[in-house]
Amino acid sequence: METTTLTGEAVTTVYDRGLARLIHHEIDHLGGLLYTAQMRIGIAQIPVEEYRQTGRAWPYDGA
């Protein structure tokens, strides 16, 4: 991610794994996108209740 400080200096920060996904998700919100707009056609949403307190990581296909 590239940002600019208050003094105009460009700063690049690299994130990975879960934090990268979180930041990307929030930047999408700034652009008015919801995750449902990026879902593949024909793929059903998985209710959070299926994963809540199961101890399993959320699977991400192709990422």
C-alpha atoms as a PDB file:
ATOM      1  CA  MET A   1       0.000   0.000   0.000  1.00  0.00           C
ATOM      2  CA  GLU A   2       1.307   3.435  -0.815  1.00  0.00           C
ATOM      3  CA  THR A   3       0.300   6.349   1.366  1.00  0.00           C
ATOM      4  CA  THR A   4       1.411   9.947   1.727  1.00  0.00           C
ATOM      5  CA  THR A   5       2.508  11.540   4.993  1.00  0.00           C
ATOM      6  CA  LEU A   6       1.318  14.966   6.086  1.00  0.00           C
ATOM      7  CA  THR A   7       4.573  16.406   4.753  1.00  0.00           C
ATOM      8  CA  GLY A   8       3.962  14.891   1.295  1.00  0.00           C
ATOM      9  CA  GLU A   9       6.443  12.017   1.550  1.00  0.00           C
ATOM     10  CA  ALA A  10       5.349   8.760  -0.124  1.00  0.00           C
ATOM     11  CA  VAL A  11       5.499   5.710   2.138  1.00  0.00           C
ATOM     12  CA  THR A  12       5.086   2.123   0.957  1.00  0.00           C
ATOM     13  CA  THR A  13       3.970  -0.539   3.422  1.00  0.00           C
ATOM     14  CA  VAL A  14       3.681  -4.223   2.561  1.00  0.00           C
ATOM     15  CA  TYR A  15       1.135  -6.390   4.364  1.00  0.00           C
ATOM     16  CA  ASP A  16       0.611 -10.128   4.046  1.00  0.00           C
ATOM     17  CA  ARG A  17      -1.818 -12.866   4.947  1.00  0.00           C
ATOM     18  CA  GLY A  18      -4.847 -11.946   7.034  1.00  0.00           C
ATOM     19  CA  LEU A  19      -3.850  -8.338   7.595  1.00  0.00           C
ATOM     20  CA  ALA A  20      -3.464  -7.820   3.834  1.00  0.00           C
ATOM     21  CA  ARG A  21      -6.977  -9.199   3.298  1.00  0.00           C
ATOM     22  CA  LEU A  22      -8.380  -6.968   6.018  1.00  0.00           C
ATOM     23  CA  ILE A  23      -6.778  -3.837   4.589  1.00  0.00           C
ATOM     24  CA  HIS A  24      -7.889  -4.717   1.055  1.00  0.00           C
ATOM     25  CA  HIS A  25     -11.421  -5.279   2.359  1.00  0.00           C
ATOM     26  CA  GLU A  26     -11.498  -1.862   4.038  1.00  0.00           C
ATOM     27  CA  ILE A  27     -10.045  -0.100   0.984  1.00  0.00           C
ATOM     28  CA  ASP A  28     -12.798  -1.704  -1.084  1.00  0.00           C
ATOM     29  CA  HIS A  29     -15.327  -0.104   1.266  1.00  0.00           C
ATOM     30  CA  LEU A  30     -13.744   3.309   0.655  1.00  0.00           C
ATOM     31  CA  GLY A  31     -14.358   2.714  -3.044  1.00  0.00           C
ATOM     32  CA  GLY A  32     -17.967   1.680  -2.414  1.00  0.00           C
ATOM     33  CA  LEU A  33     -17.438  -2.047  -3.069  1.00  0.00           C
ATOM     34  CA  LEU A  34     -18.900  -4.850  -1.015  1.00  0.00           C
ATOM     35  CA  TYR A  35     -17.410  -8.345  -1.053  1.00  0.00           C
ATOM     36  CA  THR A  36     -20.569  -9.656  -2.718  1.00  0.00           C
ATOM     37  CA  ALA A  37     -19.725  -7.571  -5.812  1.00  0.00           C
ATOM     38  CA  GLN A  38     -16.524  -9.597  -6.207  1.00  0.00           C
ATOM     39  CA  MET A  39     -18.011 -13.060  -5.728  1.00  0.00           C
ATOM     40  CA  ARG A  40     -17.947 -15.486  -8.617  1.00  0.00           C
ATOM     41  CA  ILE A  41     -21.319 -16.021 -10.267  1.00  0.00           C
ATOM     42  CA  GLY A  42     -23.055 -19.168  -9.046  1.00  0.00           C
ATOM     43  CA  ILE A  43     -21.044 -19.439  -5.809  1.00  0.00           C
ATOM     44  CA  ALA A  44     -23.274 -19.389  -2.751  1.00  0.00           C
ATOM     45  CA  GLN A  45     -22.363 -17.365   0.311  1.00  0.00           C
ATOM     46  CA  ILE A  46     -21.306 -19.387   3.350  1.00  0.00           C
ATOM     47  CA  PRO A  47     -23.065 -18.285   6.546  1.00  0.00           C
ATOM     48  CA  VAL A  48     -20.675 -17.160   9.270  1.00  0.00           C
ATOM     49  CA  GLU A  49     -22.548 -19.435  11.672  1.00  0.00           C
ATOM     50  CA  GLU A  50     -20.970 -22.421   9.913  1.00  0.00           C
ATOM     51  CA  TYR A  51     -17.515 -21.260  11.030  1.00  0.00           C
ATOM     52  CA  ARG A  52     -18.192 -19.468  14.300  1.00  0.00           C
ATOM     53  CA  GLN A  53     -16.255 -21.126  17.146  1.00  0.00           C
ATOM     54  CA  THR A  54     -15.301 -24.171  15.086  1.00  0.00           C
ATOM     55  CA  GLY A  55     -11.569 -23.494  15.345  1.00  0.00           C
ATOM     56  CA  ARG A  56     -11.242 -23.805  11.553  1.00  0.00           C
ATOM     57  CA  ALA A  57      -9.703 -21.097   9.412  1.00  0.00           C
ATOM     58  CA  TRP A  58     -11.901 -19.501   6.780  1.00  0.00           C
ATOM     59  CA  PRO A  59     -10.954 -21.006   3.390  1.00  0.00           C
ATOM     60  CA  TYR A  60      -9.964 -18.655   0.577  1.00  0.00           C
ATOM     61  CA  ASP A  61      -9.981 -20.156  -2.903  1.00  0.00           C
ATOM     62  CA  GLY A  62      -7.199 -19.064  -5.212  1.00  0.00           C
ATOM     63  CA  ALA A  63      -5.738 -16.423  -2.936  1.00  0.00           C
END
